[in-house]
Amino acid sequence: MTQQAVPAGLGDAPRAGRVVRLPGVYRPQEDTHLLAAAMRREGIRTGMDVLDLCTGSGALALHAARLGARVTAVDISRRAVASARLNTVLARLPVTVRRGDLLHALPGRTFDAVVSNPPYVPAPGLMVRGRRAARSWDAGLDGRMVLDRICDGALAALRPGGLLLLVQSGLSRPDETVGRLSGAGLDVSVTDRVTIPLGPVTRGRSAWLRARGLLPVHGDGEELVVIRARKR
């Protein structure tokens, strides 16, 4: 996840609504708004059972509930779960919030749609304990520590005809996400691409990202990608 101002072209995207956050919980930003727009476009609607993985503040879960869906939201962070639960109360929306490790929080459950804005920023070294905010975006050396697990569990979590919507950075190899989901038997496409300015996190490690070939030598932007996968 990134930390930048909304770029031109995203200003008209459907917003996930105002939320409150405990310290260390991810603030809804461009990736949130991009995925919220995709959710509306792809037909998240009344009667659907929707799972929001890595819910953070609960912004996307609330957006799905406003579209009429029955929503379950999951996060491993206690502060995120507390924030999401508070936001459901403030919004007066019936979202069920669970604390747990991705799909392990809901063994055997299946959904009409799974949406996720997971941690996806490549990070040098191991995450430092106590850096609560960094847990919201740091995802290992290649940025795929959480993405790969979501891809590998998506097929089992979706009902026939079910939809996965996932947002990530171009820094964490969207082509690998497409390949993993396709290899699992899902019909996959990239539906959105937008380039935004580097924010504080990616700008602060830009030299490291360039040295690893993840960021162009002369580039000053980061691509965000929405990936859509459908179970046959």
C-alpha atoms as a PDB file:
ATOM      1  CA  MET A   1       0.000   0.000   0.000  1.00  0.00           C
ATOM      2  CA  THR A   2       1.115   3.496  -0.706  1.00  0.00           C
ATOM      3  CA  GLN A   3       0.869   6.904   0.882  1.00  0.00           C
ATOM      4  CA  GLN A   4       0.169   9.606  -1.687  1.00  0.00           C
ATOM      5  CA  ALA A   5      -2.431  12.189  -2.635  1.00  0.00           C
ATOM      6  CA  VAL A   6      -5.237  11.160  -5.004  1.00  0.00           C
ATOM      7  CA  PRO A   7      -3.993  11.611  -8.590  1.00  0.00           C
ATOM      8  CA  ALA A   8      -5.906  13.167 -11.441  1.00  0.00           C
ATOM      9  CA  GLY A   9      -8.426  10.715 -12.823  1.00  0.00           C
ATOM     10  CA  LEU A  10      -9.362   9.152  -9.499  1.00  0.00           C
ATOM     11  CA  GLY A  11     -11.225  12.127  -8.098  1.00  0.00           C
ATOM     12  CA  ASP A  12     -14.576  10.867  -9.418  1.00  0.00           C
ATOM     13  CA  ALA A  13     -14.118   7.308  -8.179  1.00  0.00           C
ATOM     14  CA  PRO A  14     -16.729   6.092  -5.670  1.00  0.00           C
ATOM     15  CA  ARG A  15     -15.414   6.719  -2.189  1.00  0.00           C
ATOM     16  CA  ALA A  16     -15.498   4.115   0.543  1.00  0.00           C
ATOM     17  CA  GLY A  17     -16.787   6.669   3.061  1.00  0.00           C
ATOM     18  CA  ARG A  18     -15.174   8.507   5.963  1.00  0.00           C
ATOM     19  CA  VAL A  19     -13.618   6.326   8.627  1.00  0.00           C
ATOM     20  CA  VAL A  20     -11.840   6.687  11.934  1.00  0.00           C
ATOM     21  CA  ARG A  21      -8.610   4.829  12.706  1.00  0.00           C
ATOM     22  CA  LEU A  22      -6.607   3.847  15.717  1.00  0.00           C
ATOM     23  CA  PRO A  23      -2.875   4.694  15.461  1.00  0.00           C
ATOM     24  CA  GLY A  24      -1.068   2.318  13.129  1.00  0.00           C
ATOM     25  CA  VAL A  25      -4.129   1.429  11.021  1.00  0.00           C
ATOM     26  CA  TYR A  26      -3.908   2.084   7.286  1.00  0.00           C
ATOM     27  CA  ARG A  27      -5.567   5.242   6.010  1.00  0.00           C
ATOM     28  CA  PRO A  28      -7.769   4.726   2.919  1.00  0.00           C
ATOM     29  CA  GLN A  29      -5.891   6.105  -0.074  1.00  0.00           C
ATOM     30  CA  GLU A  30      -5.648   5.745  -3.865  1.00  0.00           C
ATOM     31  CA  ASP A  31      -5.591   1.964  -3.856  1.00  0.00           C
ATOM     32  CA  THR A  32      -8.692   1.913  -1.648  1.00  0.00           C
ATOM     33  CA  HIS A  33     -10.558   4.284  -3.959  1.00  0.00           C
ATOM     34  CA  LEU A  34      -9.481   2.394  -7.077  1.00  0.00           C
ATOM     35  CA  LEU A  35     -10.757  -0.893  -5.669  1.00  0.00           C
ATOM     36  CA  ALA A  36     -13.986   0.733  -4.450  1.00  0.00           C
ATOM     37  CA  ALA A  37     -14.660   1.932  -8.002  1.00  0.00           C
ATOM     38  CA  ALA A  38     -14.013  -1.570  -9.349  1.00  0.00           C
ATOM     39  CA  MET A  39     -16.404  -3.077  -6.800  1.00  0.00           C
ATOM     40  CA  ARG A  40     -19.223  -0.850  -7.978  1.00  0.00           C
ATOM     41  CA  ARG A  41     -18.423  -1.431 -11.657  1.00  0.00           C
ATOM     42  CA  GLU A  42     -18.207  -5.211 -11.228  1.00  0.00           C
ATOM     43  CA  GLY A  43     -21.657  -5.376  -9.680  1.00  0.00           C
ATOM     44  CA  ILE A  44     -21.213  -5.895  -5.937  1.00  0.00           C
ATOM     45  CA  ARG A  45     -24.856  -5.710  -4.932  1.00  0.00           C
ATOM     46  CA  THR A  46     -27.737  -6.717  -2.683  1.00  0.00           C
ATOM     47  CA  GLY A  47     -27.866 -10.408  -1.847  1.00  0.00           C
ATOM     48  CA  MET A  48     -24.162 -11.114  -2.341  1.00  0.00           C
ATOM     49  CA  ASP A  49     -21.931 -12.523   0.388  1.00  0.00           C
ATOM     50  CA  VAL A  50     -18.696 -10.523   0.276  1.00  0.00           C
ATOM     51  CA  LEU A  51     -15.404 -11.041   2.121  1.00  0.00           C
ATOM     52  CA  ASP A  52     -12.985  -8.146   2.647  1.00  0.00           C
ATOM     53  CA  LEU A  53      -9.512  -9.527   3.423  1.00  0.00           C
ATOM     54  CA  CYS A  54      -6.990  -7.222   5.142  1.00  0.00           C
ATOM     55  CA  THR A  55      -9.822  -4.847   5.926  1.00  0.00           C
ATOM     56  CA  GLY A  56      -7.775  -2.243   7.859  1.00  0.00           C
ATOM     57  CA  SER A  57     -10.181   0.505   8.865  1.00  0.00           C
ATOM     58  CA  GLY A  58     -13.055  -1.368   7.220  1.00  0.00           C
ATOM     59  CA  ALA A  59     -13.525   1.203   4.452  1.00  0.00           C
ATOM     60  CA  LEU A  60     -14.023  -1.333   1.648  1.00  0.00           C
ATOM     61  CA  ALA A  61     -16.232  -3.542   3.797  1.00  0.00           C
ATOM     62  CA  LEU A  62     -18.450  -0.540   4.503  1.00  0.00           C
ATOM     63  CA  HIS A  63     -18.490   0.296   0.785  1.00  0.00           C
ATOM     64  CA  ALA A  64     -19.691  -3.236  -0.023  1.00  0.00           C
ATOM     65  CA  ALA A  65     -22.363  -2.972   2.673  1.00  0.00           C
ATOM     66  CA  ARG A  66     -23.555   0.325   1.222  1.00  0.00           C
ATOM     67  CA  LEU A  67     -23.911  -1.466  -2.121  1.00  0.00           C
ATOM     68  CA  GLY A  68     -26.239  -3.902  -0.361  1.00  0.00           C
ATOM     69  CA  ALA A  69     -23.983  -6.914   0.203  1.00  0.00           C
ATOM     70  CA  ARG A  70     -23.734  -9.079   3.316  1.00  0.00           C
ATOM     71  CA  VAL A  71     -20.152  -8.438   4.391  1.00  0.00           C
ATOM     72  CA  THR A  72     -17.538 -10.181   6.479  1.00  0.00           C
ATOM     73  CA  ALA A  73     -14.236  -8.377   7.103  1.00  0.00           C
ATOM     74  CA  VAL A  74     -10.981  -9.936   8.315  1.00  0.00           C
ATOM     75  CA  ASP A  75      -7.692  -8.516   9.570  1.00  0.00           C
ATOM     76  CA  ILE A  76      -4.882  -9.921  11.690  1.00  0.00           C
ATOM     77  CA  SER A  77      -4.245  -6.593  13.452  1.00  0.00           C
ATOM     78  CA  ARG A  78      -6.114  -6.030  16.700  1.00  0.00           C
ATOM     79  CA  ARG A  79      -6.102  -2.272  16.105  1.00  0.00           C
ATOM     80  CA  ALA A  80      -7.506  -2.729  12.606  1.00  0.00           C
ATOM     81  CA  VAL A  81     -10.266  -4.999  13.887  1.00  0.00           C
ATOM     82  CA  ALA A  82     -11.142  -2.495  16.620  1.00  0.00           C
ATOM     83  CA  SER A  83     -11.187   0.348  14.075  1.00  0.00           C
ATOM     84  CA  ALA A  84     -13.329  -1.589  11.609  1.00  0.00           C
ATOM     85  CA  ARG A  85     -15.809  -2.560  14.313  1.00  0.00           C
ATOM     86  CA  LEU A  86     -16.047   1.041  15.488  1.00  0.00           C
ATOM     87  CA  ASN A  87     -16.645   2.219  11.930  1.00  0.00           C
ATOM     88  CA  THR A  88     -19.439  -0.300  11.388  1.00  0.00           C
ATOM     89  CA  VAL A  89     -21.152   1.006  14.515  1.00  0.00           C
ATOM     90  CA  LEU A  90     -20.712   4.645  13.459  1.00  0.00           C
ATOM     91  CA  ALA A  91     -21.986   3.883   9.949  1.00  0.00           C
ATOM     92  CA  ARG A  92     -24.836   1.717  11.293  1.00  0.00           C
ATOM     93  CA  LEU A  93     -24.041  -1.002   8.792  1.00  0.00           C
ATOM     94  CA  PRO A  94     -24.213  -4.767   9.515  1.00  0.00           C
ATOM     95  CA  VAL A  95     -20.625  -5.803   8.797  1.00  0.00           C
ATOM     96  CA  THR A  96     -19.189  -8.804  10.655  1.00  0.00           C
ATOM     97  CA  VAL A  97     -15.544  -8.163  11.593  1.00  0.00           C
ATOM     98  CA  ARG A  98     -13.248 -11.065  12.518  1.00  0.00           C
ATOM     99  CA  ARG A  99      -9.655 -11.121  13.676  1.00  0.00           C
ATOM    100  CA  GLY A 100      -7.579 -13.796  11.985  1.00  0.00           C
ATOM    101  CA  ASP A 101      -4.950 -14.771   9.458  1.00  0.00           C
ATOM    102  CA  LEU A 102      -6.535 -14.292   6.025  1.00  0.00           C
ATOM    103  CA  LEU A 103      -8.777 -17.210   5.012  1.00  0.00           C
ATOM    104  CA  HIS A 104      -7.757 -19.225   8.086  1.00  0.00           C
ATOM    105  CA  ALA A 105     -10.122 -16.945  10.020  1.00  0.00           C
ATOM    106  CA  LEU A 106     -13.095 -18.485   8.197  1.00  0.00           C
ATOM    107  CA  PRO A 107     -12.349 -22.160   7.515  1.00  0.00           C
ATOM    108  CA  GLY A 108     -14.723 -23.721   5.015  1.00  0.00           C
ATOM    109  CA  ARG A 109     -16.614 -20.501   4.251  1.00  0.00           C
ATOM    110  CA  THR A 110     -17.265 -19.500   0.643  1.00  0.00           C
ATOM    111  CA  PHE A 111     -18.326 -16.177  -0.837  1.00  0.00           C
ATOM    112  CA  ASP A 112     -19.811 -14.632  -3.959  1.00  0.00           C
ATOM    113  CA  ALA A 113     -16.984 -12.084  -3.961  1.00  0.00           C
ATOM    114  CA  VAL A 114     -13.656 -11.578  -2.201  1.00  0.00           C
ATOM    115  CA  VAL A 115     -12.016  -8.152  -2.241  1.00  0.00           C
ATOM    116  CA  SER A 116      -8.598  -7.301  -0.860  1.00  0.00           C
ATOM    117  CA  ASN A 117      -6.180  -4.406  -0.558  1.00  0.00           C
ATOM    118  CA  PRO A 118      -3.354  -6.343   1.125  1.00  0.00           C
ATOM    119  CA  PRO A 119       0.165  -5.284   2.110  1.00  0.00           C
ATOM    120  CA  TYR A 120       2.176  -5.335  -1.132  1.00  0.00           C
ATOM    121  CA  VAL A 121       5.173  -2.996  -0.886  1.00  0.00           C
ATOM    122  CA  PRO A 122       8.615  -4.675  -1.190  1.00  0.00           C
ATOM    123  CA  ALA A 123      10.603  -4.090   1.983  1.00  0.00           C
ATOM    124  CA  PRO A 124      14.307  -4.529   2.730  1.00  0.00           C
ATOM    125  CA  GLY A 125      14.927  -6.920   5.608  1.00  0.00           C
ATOM    126  CA  LEU A 126      12.402  -8.148   8.113  1.00  0.00           C
ATOM    127  CA  MET A 127       9.568  -6.027   9.458  1.00  0.00           C
ATOM    128  CA  VAL A 128      10.470  -4.450  12.787  1.00  0.00           C
ATOM    129  CA  ARG A 129       8.286  -5.285  15.756  1.00  0.00           C
ATOM    130  CA  GLY A 130       6.466  -2.232  17.057  1.00  0.00           C
ATOM    131  CA  ARG A 131       6.266  -0.513  13.657  1.00  0.00           C
ATOM    132  CA  ARG A 132       2.520  -1.014  13.582  1.00  0.00           C
ATOM    133  CA  ALA A 133       1.801   1.178  10.556  1.00  0.00           C
ATOM    134  CA  ALA A 134       4.440  -0.585   8.427  1.00  0.00           C
ATOM    135  CA  ARG A 135       2.555  -3.870   8.812  1.00  0.00           C
ATOM    136  CA  SER A 136      -0.132  -2.313   6.617  1.00  0.00           C
ATOM    137  CA  TRP A 137       2.116  -2.089   3.564  1.00  0.00           C
ATOM    138  CA  ASP A 138       5.432  -3.963   4.019  1.00  0.00           C
ATOM    139  CA  ALA A 139       5.240  -7.441   2.454  1.00  0.00           C
ATOM    140  CA  GLY A 140       8.695  -8.971   2.311  1.00  0.00           C
ATOM    141  CA  LEU A 141      11.553  -8.588  -0.152  1.00  0.00           C
ATOM    142  CA  ASP A 142       9.359  -9.028  -3.225  1.00  0.00           C
ATOM    143  CA  GLY A 143       6.125  -7.574  -1.835  1.00  0.00           C
ATOM    144  CA  ARG A 144       4.335 -10.898  -2.285  1.00  0.00           C
ATOM    145  CA  MET A 145       4.268 -12.277   1.253  1.00  0.00           C
ATOM    146  CA  VAL A 146       0.481 -11.828   1.502  1.00  0.00           C
ATOM    147  CA  LEU A 147      -0.438 -11.684  -2.190  1.00  0.00           C
ATOM    148  CA  ASP A 148       0.730 -15.244  -2.854  1.00  0.00           C
ATOM    149  CA  ARG A 149      -1.308 -16.626   0.027  1.00  0.00           C
ATOM    150  CA  ILE A 150      -4.456 -14.867  -1.183  1.00  0.00           C
ATOM    151  CA  CYS A 151      -3.905 -16.180  -4.705  1.00  0.00           C
ATOM    152  CA  ASP A 152      -3.374 -19.721  -3.457  1.00  0.00           C
ATOM    153  CA  GLY A 153      -6.544 -19.692  -1.334  1.00  0.00           C
ATOM    154  CA  ALA A 154      -8.878 -17.796  -3.675  1.00  0.00           C
ATOM    155  CA  LEU A 155     -10.341 -20.752  -5.567  1.00  0.00           C
ATOM    156  CA  ALA A 156     -11.501 -22.520  -2.414  1.00  0.00           C
ATOM    157  CA  ALA A 157     -12.993 -19.309  -0.979  1.00  0.00           C
ATOM    158  CA  LEU A 158     -15.153 -18.544  -4.029  1.00  0.00           C
ATOM    159  CA  ARG A 159     -18.499 -20.049  -4.949  1.00  0.00           C
ATOM    160  CA  PRO A 160     -19.091 -21.079  -8.576  1.00  0.00           C
ATOM    161  CA  GLY A 161     -19.112 -17.861 -10.607  1.00  0.00           C
ATOM    162  CA  GLY A 162     -17.527 -16.029  -7.665  1.00  0.00           C
ATOM    163  CA  LEU A 163     -15.396 -12.919  -8.119  1.00  0.00           C
ATOM    164  CA  LEU A 164     -12.006 -11.892  -6.704  1.00  0.00           C
ATOM    165  CA  LEU A 165     -10.956  -8.230  -6.877  1.00  0.00           C
ATOM    166  CA  LEU A 166      -7.420  -7.477  -5.753  1.00  0.00           C
ATOM    167  CA  VAL A 167      -5.398  -4.249  -5.849  1.00  0.00           C
ATOM    168  CA  GLN A 168      -1.614  -4.170  -5.763  1.00  0.00           C
ATOM    169  CA  SER A 169       1.445  -2.222  -6.867  1.00  0.00           C
ATOM    170  CA  GLY A 170       3.359  -2.766 -10.068  1.00  0.00           C
ATOM    171  CA  LEU A 171       6.399  -3.093  -7.787  1.00  0.00           C
ATOM    172  CA  SER A 172       5.145  -6.492  -6.607  1.00  0.00           C
ATOM    173  CA  ARG A 173       4.831  -8.156 -10.022  1.00  0.00           C
ATOM    174  CA  PRO A 174       1.157  -8.174 -11.062  1.00  0.00           C
ATOM    175  CA  ASP A 175       2.021 -10.659 -13.818  1.00  0.00           C
ATOM    176  CA  GLU A 176       2.868 -13.203 -11.114  1.00  0.00           C
ATOM    177  CA  THR A 177      -0.524 -12.625  -9.480  1.00  0.00           C
ATOM    178  CA  VAL A 178      -2.216 -13.183 -12.840  1.00  0.00           C
ATOM    179  CA  GLY A 179      -0.182 -16.350 -13.396  1.00  0.00           C
ATOM    180  CA  ARG A 180      -0.924 -17.805  -9.967  1.00  0.00           C
ATOM    181  CA  LEU A 181      -4.658 -17.150 -10.229  1.00  0.00           C
ATOM    182  CA  SER A 182      -4.803 -18.493 -13.776  1.00  0.00           C
ATOM    183  CA  GLY A 183      -2.839 -21.557 -12.719  1.00  0.00           C
ATOM    184  CA  ALA A 184      -5.387 -22.156  -9.964  1.00  0.00           C
ATOM    185  CA  GLY A 185      -8.130 -22.369 -12.605  1.00  0.00           C
ATOM    186  CA  LEU A 186      -9.591 -18.868 -12.423  1.00  0.00           C
ATOM    187  CA  ASP A 187     -10.376 -16.616 -15.385  1.00  0.00           C
ATOM    188  CA  VAL A 188      -8.126 -13.587 -14.813  1.00  0.00           C
ATOM    189  CA  SER A 189      -7.730 -10.090 -16.262  1.00  0.00           C
ATOM    190  CA  VAL A 190      -6.177  -6.765 -15.306  1.00  0.00           C
ATOM    191  CA  THR A 191      -9.023  -4.246 -15.307  1.00  0.00           C
ATOM    192  CA  ASP A 192      -7.364  -1.047 -14.079  1.00  0.00           C
ATOM    193  CA  ARG A 193      -3.930   0.536 -14.250  1.00  0.00           C
ATOM    194  CA  VAL A 194      -3.103   3.997 -12.926  1.00  0.00           C
ATOM    195  CA  THR A 195       0.239   5.640 -12.204  1.00  0.00           C
ATOM    196  CA  ILE A 196       0.564   7.796  -9.112  1.00  0.00           C
ATOM    197  CA  PRO A 197       3.514   9.799  -7.716  1.00  0.00           C
ATOM    198  CA  LEU A 198       5.857   8.023  -5.346  1.00  0.00           C
ATOM    199  CA  GLY A 199       4.807   8.602  -1.767  1.00  0.00           C
ATOM    200  CA  PRO A 200       6.847   8.732   1.432  1.00  0.00           C
ATOM    201  CA  VAL A 201       7.226   4.955   1.776  1.00  0.00           C
ATOM    202  CA  THR A 202       8.309   4.138  -1.780  1.00  0.00           C
ATOM    203  CA  ARG A 203      10.281   7.360  -2.157  1.00  0.00           C
ATOM    204  CA  GLY A 204      12.216   6.594   1.027  1.00  0.00           C
ATOM    205  CA  ARG A 205      13.352   3.232  -0.331  1.00  0.00           C
ATOM    206  CA  SER A 206      13.556   4.201  -4.025  1.00  0.00           C
ATOM    207  CA  ALA A 207      17.328   3.574  -4.237  1.00  0.00           C
ATOM    208  CA  TRP A 208      16.845   0.054  -2.886  1.00  0.00           C
ATOM    209  CA  LEU A 209      13.900  -0.584  -5.234  1.00  0.00           C
ATOM    210  CA  ARG A 210      15.935   0.610  -8.227  1.00  0.00           C
ATOM    211  CA  ALA A 211      18.908  -1.521  -7.234  1.00  0.00           C
ATOM    212  CA  ARG A 212      16.627  -4.578  -7.269  1.00  0.00           C
ATOM    213  CA  GLY A 213      15.157  -3.627 -10.652  1.00  0.00           C
ATOM    214  CA  LEU A 214      11.685  -3.048  -9.212  1.00  0.00           C
ATOM    215  CA  LEU A 215      11.599   0.677  -9.981  1.00  0.00           C
ATOM    216  CA  PRO A 216      12.810   2.274 -13.243  1.00  0.00           C
ATOM    217  CA  VAL A 217      16.032   4.233 -12.915  1.00  0.00           C
ATOM    218  CA  HIS A 218      14.396   7.451 -14.065  1.00  0.00           C
ATOM    219  CA  GLY A 219      10.842   6.739 -12.957  1.00  0.00           C
ATOM    220  CA  ASP A 220       9.077   8.912 -10.399  1.00  0.00           C
ATOM    221  CA  GLY A 221       5.751   7.089 -10.304  1.00  0.00           C
ATOM    222  CA  GLU A 222       4.213   3.858  -9.051  1.00  0.00           C
ATOM    223  CA  GLU A 223       1.612   1.859 -10.931  1.00  0.00           C
ATOM    224  CA  LEU A 224      -1.471   0.558  -9.133  1.00  0.00           C
ATOM    225  CA  VAL A 225      -3.251  -2.413 -10.678  1.00  0.00           C
ATOM    226  CA  VAL A 226      -6.665  -3.985 -10.081  1.00  0.00           C
ATOM    227  CA  ILE A 227      -6.801  -7.685 -10.918  1.00  0.00           C
ATOM    228  CA  ARG A 228     -10.126  -9.428 -11.511  1.00  0.00           C
ATOM    229  CA  ALA A 229     -10.530 -13.211 -11.284  1.00  0.00           C
ATOM    230  CA  ARG A 230     -13.678 -15.232 -11.797  1.00  0.00           C
ATOM    231  CA  LYS A 231     -14.329 -18.829 -10.752  1.00  0.00           C
ATOM    232  CA  ARG A 232     -15.865 -20.876 -13.534  1.00  0.00           C
END
